[in-house]
Amino acid sequence: MERLKKLFVISLIISIIVLVLVTVFTIGPDTLPILQRMEPVYFLAAVALHVGSYFIWGLRMKVMTKALGYRIGVKDATEIVIVNLFAASVTPSMAGGEAVR
């Protein structure tokens, strides 16, 4: 368990560093004023819709696995969806990974 926590912390640090670097190299002079004018309710709505799409995709996977004769919970199916999206994001697939798609 201690190893898992260490790997989790390392992955968070790498994610934060990459996020900062991408932001530094892609931000323009107009970006910050535009983001400051953005209504927080729209940002929260976008986050809620994004998380909701994971849940709906998990429901879809639950139904498909039930049709194959397996029983998994919505929580497990949603975890599978999120792990699948993470793997697609960090590995180069046929199209070059999630960033290229």
N, C-alpha and C. Protein backbone atom coordinates (compact mmCIF):
# COMPACT_ATOMS: atom_id res chain seq x y z
N MET A 1 0.82 -1.20 0.00
CA MET A 1 0.00 0.00 0.00
C MET A 1 0.86 1.26 0.00
N GLU A 2 1.96 1.21 0.72
CA GLU A 2 2.87 2.36 0.77
C GLU A 2 3.45 2.64 -0.61
N ARG A 3 3.74 1.61 -1.36
CA ARG A 3 4.26 1.78 -2.72
C ARG A 3 3.22 2.44 -3.62
N LEU A 4 1.97 2.03 -3.44
CA LEU A 4 0.88 2.61 -4.22
C LEU A 4 0.73 4.10 -3.94
N LYS A 5 0.82 4.48 -2.67
CA LYS A 5 0.73 5.90 -2.31
C LYS A 5 1.88 6.69 -2.92
N LYS A 6 3.07 6.10 -2.89
CA LYS A 6 4.25 6.77 -3.46
C LYS A 6 4.07 6.97 -4.97
N LEU A 7 3.61 5.92 -5.66
CA LEU A 7 3.37 6.04 -7.10
C LEU A 7 2.28 7.05 -7.41
N PHE A 8 1.26 7.11 -6.57
CA PHE A 8 0.18 8.07 -6.77
C PHE A 8 0.70 9.50 -6.63
N VAL A 9 1.51 9.75 -5.62
CA VAL A 9 2.08 11.08 -5.42
C VAL A 9 2.98 11.45 -6.60
N ILE A 10 3.79 10.51 -7.06
CA ILE A 10 4.67 10.77 -8.20
C ILE A 10 3.85 11.09 -9.44
N SER A 11 2.78 10.35 -9.67
CA SER A 11 1.95 10.62 -10.85
C SER A 11 1.26 11.98 -10.75
N LEU A 12 0.84 12.36 -9.54
CA LEU A 12 0.25 13.69 -9.36
C LEU A 12 1.27 14.80 -9.64
N ILE A 13 2.48 14.62 -9.16
CA ILE A 13 3.53 15.62 -9.39
C ILE A 13 3.82 15.75 -10.87
N ILE A 14 3.94 14.62 -11.57
CA ILE A 14 4.19 14.65 -13.01
C ILE A 14 3.03 15.34 -13.73
N SER A 15 1.81 15.04 -13.35
CA SER A 15 0.63 15.66 -13.97
C SER A 15 0.62 17.17 -13.77
N ILE A 16 0.93 17.60 -12.57
CA ILE A 16 0.95 19.04 -12.28
C ILE A 16 2.04 19.74 -13.08
N ILE A 17 3.22 19.14 -13.14
CA ILE A 17 4.33 19.73 -13.91
C ILE A 17 3.96 19.85 -15.37
N VAL A 18 3.39 18.78 -15.93
CA VAL A 18 3.00 18.81 -17.35
C VAL A 18 1.91 19.85 -17.58
N LEU A 19 0.94 19.92 -16.69
CA LEU A 19 -0.12 20.90 -16.83
C LEU A 19 0.42 22.33 -16.80
N VAL A 20 1.34 22.59 -15.89
CA VAL A 20 1.96 23.92 -15.81
C VAL A 20 2.74 24.23 -17.08
N LEU A 21 3.53 23.25 -17.56
CA LEU A 21 4.32 23.48 -18.78
C LEU A 21 3.43 23.72 -19.99
N VAL A 22 2.39 22.94 -20.14
CA VAL A 22 1.47 23.14 -21.27
C VAL A 22 0.82 24.51 -21.17
N THR A 23 0.42 24.90 -19.98
CA THR A 23 -0.20 26.21 -19.79
C THR A 23 0.77 27.33 -20.11
N VAL A 24 2.01 27.21 -19.64
CA VAL A 24 3.01 28.27 -19.87
C VAL A 24 3.29 28.43 -21.35
N PHE A 25 3.39 27.32 -22.07
CA PHE A 25 3.76 27.41 -23.48
C PHE A 25 2.59 27.66 -24.43
N THR A 26 1.36 27.52 -23.95
CA THR A 26 0.22 27.73 -24.84
C THR A 26 -0.61 28.95 -24.48
N ILE A 27 -0.34 29.55 -23.36
CA ILE A 27 -1.15 30.69 -22.93
C ILE A 27 -0.74 31.94 -23.72
N GLY A 28 -1.73 32.71 -24.10
CA GLY A 28 -1.47 33.95 -24.83
C GLY A 28 -1.79 35.15 -23.96
N PRO A 29 -1.53 36.34 -24.45
CA PRO A 29 -1.78 37.53 -23.64
C PRO A 29 -3.27 37.76 -23.35
N ASP A 30 -4.14 37.20 -24.17
CA ASP A 30 -5.58 37.38 -23.96
C ASP A 30 -6.21 36.29 -23.11
N THR A 31 -5.48 35.24 -22.82
CA THR A 31 -6.07 34.07 -22.15
C THR A 31 -6.54 34.37 -20.73
N LEU A 32 -5.68 34.95 -19.91
CA LEU A 32 -6.06 35.20 -18.52
C LEU A 32 -7.24 36.16 -18.39
N PRO A 33 -7.27 37.28 -19.11
CA PRO A 33 -8.47 38.14 -19.00
C PRO A 33 -9.76 37.44 -19.43
N ILE A 34 -9.67 36.60 -20.43
CA ILE A 34 -10.85 35.86 -20.88
C ILE A 34 -11.30 34.88 -19.80
N LEU A 35 -10.35 34.17 -19.20
CA LEU A 35 -10.69 33.22 -18.14
C LEU A 35 -11.26 33.92 -16.91
N GLN A 36 -10.77 35.11 -16.61
CA GLN A 36 -11.28 35.86 -15.46
C GLN A 36 -12.71 36.34 -15.69
N ARG A 37 -13.08 36.58 -16.93
CA ARG A 37 -14.44 37.03 -17.24
C ARG A 37 -15.44 35.87 -17.31
N MET A 38 -14.93 34.65 -17.33
CA MET A 38 -15.79 33.48 -17.46
C MET A 38 -16.66 33.32 -16.21
N GLU A 39 -17.91 33.01 -16.41
CA GLU A 39 -18.82 32.76 -15.30
C GLU A 39 -18.49 31.40 -14.67
N PRO A 40 -18.30 31.35 -13.35
CA PRO A 40 -17.98 30.07 -12.70
C PRO A 40 -19.06 29.00 -12.89
N VAL A 41 -20.30 29.43 -13.04
CA VAL A 41 -21.38 28.45 -13.20
C VAL A 41 -21.19 27.66 -14.50
N TYR A 42 -20.66 28.29 -15.55
CA TYR A 42 -20.43 27.58 -16.80
C TYR A 42 -19.30 26.56 -16.64
N PHE A 43 -18.28 26.94 -15.91
CA PHE A 43 -17.17 26.01 -15.66
C PHE A 43 -17.67 24.81 -14.85
N LEU A 44 -18.42 25.07 -13.81
CA LEU A 44 -18.96 23.98 -12.99
C LEU A 44 -19.92 23.10 -13.78
N ALA A 45 -20.69 23.71 -14.66
CA ALA A 45 -21.60 22.93 -15.51
C ALA A 45 -20.80 22.02 -16.45
N ALA A 46 -19.71 22.54 -17.00
CA ALA A 46 -18.88 21.73 -17.89
C ALA A 46 -18.26 20.56 -17.14
N VAL A 47 -17.78 20.81 -15.93
CA VAL A 47 -17.21 19.73 -15.12
C VAL A 47 -18.28 18.69 -14.79
N ALA A 48 -19.46 19.16 -14.41
CA ALA A 48 -20.55 18.23 -14.08
C ALA A 48 -20.96 17.39 -15.28
N LEU A 49 -21.04 17.99 -16.45
CA LEU A 49 -21.38 17.24 -17.65
C LEU A 49 -20.30 16.22 -17.99
N HIS A 50 -19.05 16.60 -17.80
CA HIS A 50 -17.94 15.69 -18.09
C HIS A 50 -17.98 14.48 -17.15
N VAL A 51 -18.15 14.73 -15.86
CA VAL A 51 -18.23 13.63 -14.89
C VAL A 51 -19.48 12.81 -15.15
N GLY A 52 -20.57 13.46 -15.49
CA GLY A 52 -21.80 12.75 -15.82
C GLY A 52 -21.64 11.83 -17.02
N SER A 53 -20.83 12.26 -17.99
CA SER A 53 -20.61 11.40 -19.15
C SER A 53 -19.87 10.14 -18.76
N TYR A 54 -18.96 10.22 -17.77
CA TYR A 54 -18.30 9.01 -17.27
C TYR A 54 -19.33 8.06 -16.68
N PHE A 55 -20.25 8.60 -15.90
CA PHE A 55 -21.28 7.79 -15.26
C PHE A 55 -22.17 7.13 -16.31
N ILE A 56 -22.59 7.88 -17.32
CA ILE A 56 -23.45 7.32 -18.37
C ILE A 56 -22.70 6.26 -19.16
N TRP A 57 -21.43 6.50 -19.43
CA TRP A 57 -20.61 5.51 -20.13
C TRP A 57 -20.48 4.25 -19.27
N GLY A 58 -20.36 4.42 -17.94
CA GLY A 58 -20.32 3.28 -17.03
C GLY A 58 -21.62 2.49 -17.06
N LEU A 59 -22.76 3.20 -17.10
CA LEU A 59 -24.05 2.52 -17.23
C LEU A 59 -24.12 1.72 -18.52
N ARG A 60 -23.63 2.30 -19.57
CA ARG A 60 -23.60 1.61 -20.87
C ARG A 60 -22.78 0.33 -20.79
N MET A 61 -21.61 0.41 -20.15
CA MET A 61 -20.77 -0.77 -20.01
C MET A 61 -21.45 -1.83 -19.14
N LYS A 62 -22.14 -1.39 -18.10
CA LYS A 62 -22.86 -2.34 -17.24
C LYS A 62 -23.91 -3.10 -18.04
N VAL A 63 -24.64 -2.39 -18.88
CA VAL A 63 -25.68 -3.03 -19.69
C VAL A 63 -25.05 -4.00 -20.69
N MET A 64 -23.94 -3.60 -21.31
CA MET A 64 -23.30 -4.48 -22.29
C MET A 64 -22.74 -5.73 -21.64
N THR A 65 -22.14 -5.59 -20.44
CA THR A 65 -21.61 -6.78 -19.77
C THR A 65 -22.73 -7.68 -19.28
N LYS A 66 -23.85 -7.09 -18.89
CA LYS A 66 -25.00 -7.90 -18.48
C LYS A 66 -25.53 -8.71 -19.66
N ALA A 67 -25.51 -8.12 -20.84
CA ALA A 67 -25.95 -8.84 -22.04
C ALA A 67 -25.04 -10.02 -22.35
N LEU A 68 -23.79 -9.93 -21.93
CA LEU A 68 -22.85 -11.03 -22.13
C LEU A 68 -22.90 -12.06 -21.01
N GLY A 69 -23.72 -11.80 -19.99
CA GLY A 69 -23.87 -12.75 -18.90
C GLY A 69 -23.03 -12.44 -17.68
N TYR A 70 -22.40 -11.29 -17.63
CA TYR A 70 -21.59 -10.90 -16.48
C TYR A 70 -22.32 -9.83 -15.69
N ARG A 71 -22.08 -9.81 -14.40
CA ARG A 71 -22.70 -8.79 -13.55
C ARG A 71 -21.60 -7.96 -12.90
N ILE A 72 -21.58 -6.68 -13.23
CA ILE A 72 -20.68 -5.75 -12.56
C ILE A 72 -21.50 -4.54 -12.12
N GLY A 73 -21.01 -3.86 -11.13
CA GLY A 73 -21.71 -2.69 -10.62
C GLY A 73 -21.41 -1.45 -11.46
N VAL A 74 -22.22 -0.44 -11.28
CA VAL A 74 -22.02 0.82 -12.00
C VAL A 74 -20.69 1.44 -11.59
N LYS A 75 -20.35 1.34 -10.31
CA LYS A 75 -19.09 1.90 -9.82
C LYS A 75 -17.91 1.23 -10.51
N ASP A 76 -17.93 -0.10 -10.60
CA ASP A 76 -16.84 -0.82 -11.25
C ASP A 76 -16.77 -0.47 -12.74
N ALA A 77 -17.92 -0.40 -13.38
CA ALA A 77 -17.95 -0.07 -14.80
C ALA A 77 -17.42 1.34 -15.05
N THR A 78 -17.78 2.28 -14.18
CA THR A 78 -17.29 3.65 -14.32
C THR A 78 -15.78 3.71 -14.10
N GLU A 79 -15.28 2.94 -13.14
CA GLU A 79 -13.83 2.88 -12.93
C GLU A 79 -13.13 2.34 -14.17
N ILE A 80 -13.70 1.32 -14.79
CA ILE A 80 -13.12 0.76 -16.02
C ILE A 80 -13.07 1.82 -17.11
N VAL A 81 -14.13 2.59 -17.24
CA VAL A 81 -14.19 3.66 -18.25
C VAL A 81 -13.09 4.69 -18.00
N ILE A 82 -12.93 5.11 -16.76
CA ILE A 82 -11.93 6.13 -16.45
C ILE A 82 -10.52 5.61 -16.68
N VAL A 83 -10.27 4.36 -16.29
CA VAL A 83 -8.95 3.76 -16.53
C VAL A 83 -8.70 3.64 -18.03
N ASN A 84 -9.71 3.27 -18.79
CA ASN A 84 -9.59 3.16 -20.24
C ASN A 84 -9.22 4.52 -20.85
N LEU A 85 -9.88 5.57 -20.42
CA LEU A 85 -9.58 6.91 -20.94
C LEU A 85 -8.18 7.36 -20.54
N PHE A 86 -7.77 7.03 -19.31
CA PHE A 86 -6.41 7.36 -18.88
C PHE A 86 -5.39 6.63 -19.74
N ALA A 87 -5.60 5.33 -19.96
CA ALA A 87 -4.66 4.56 -20.77
C ALA A 87 -4.61 5.11 -22.20
N ALA A 88 -5.74 5.51 -22.73
CA ALA A 88 -5.77 6.07 -24.08
C ALA A 88 -5.04 7.41 -24.13
N SER A 89 -5.06 8.13 -23.01
CA SER A 89 -4.42 9.45 -22.98
C SER A 89 -2.91 9.38 -22.88
N VAL A 90 -2.40 8.38 -22.17
CA VAL A 90 -0.96 8.34 -21.91
C VAL A 90 -0.19 7.40 -22.82
N THR A 91 -0.88 6.62 -23.62
CA THR A 91 -0.18 5.70 -24.52
C THR A 91 -0.46 6.07 -25.96
N PRO A 92 0.53 5.93 -26.80
CA PRO A 92 0.28 6.20 -28.22
C PRO A 92 -0.51 5.05 -28.84
N SER A 93 -1.68 5.37 -29.32
CA SER A 93 -2.48 4.36 -30.01
C SER A 93 -2.29 4.53 -31.51
N MET A 94 -3.17 3.95 -32.28
CA MET A 94 -3.03 4.05 -33.73
C MET A 94 -3.07 5.51 -34.18
N ALA A 95 -3.86 6.33 -33.49
CA ALA A 95 -3.98 7.74 -33.89
C ALA A 95 -2.99 8.64 -33.14
N GLY A 96 -2.23 8.07 -32.22
CA GLY A 96 -1.27 8.88 -31.48
C GLY A 96 -1.72 9.23 -30.09
N GLY A 97 -2.73 8.54 -29.57
CA GLY A 97 -3.19 8.81 -28.22
C GLY A 97 -4.36 9.77 -28.21
N GLU A 98 -4.85 10.02 -27.02
CA GLU A 98 -6.05 10.84 -26.85
C GLU A 98 -5.83 12.29 -27.31
N ALA A 99 -4.64 12.79 -27.09
CA ALA A 99 -4.39 14.18 -27.47
C ALA A 99 -4.55 14.40 -28.96
N VAL A 100 -4.16 13.46 -29.77
CA VAL A 100 -4.27 13.58 -31.23
C VAL A 100 -5.71 13.41 -31.68
N ARG A 101 -6.44 12.52 -31.01
CA ARG A 101 -7.84 12.31 -31.39
C ARG A 101 -8.63 13.56 -31.12
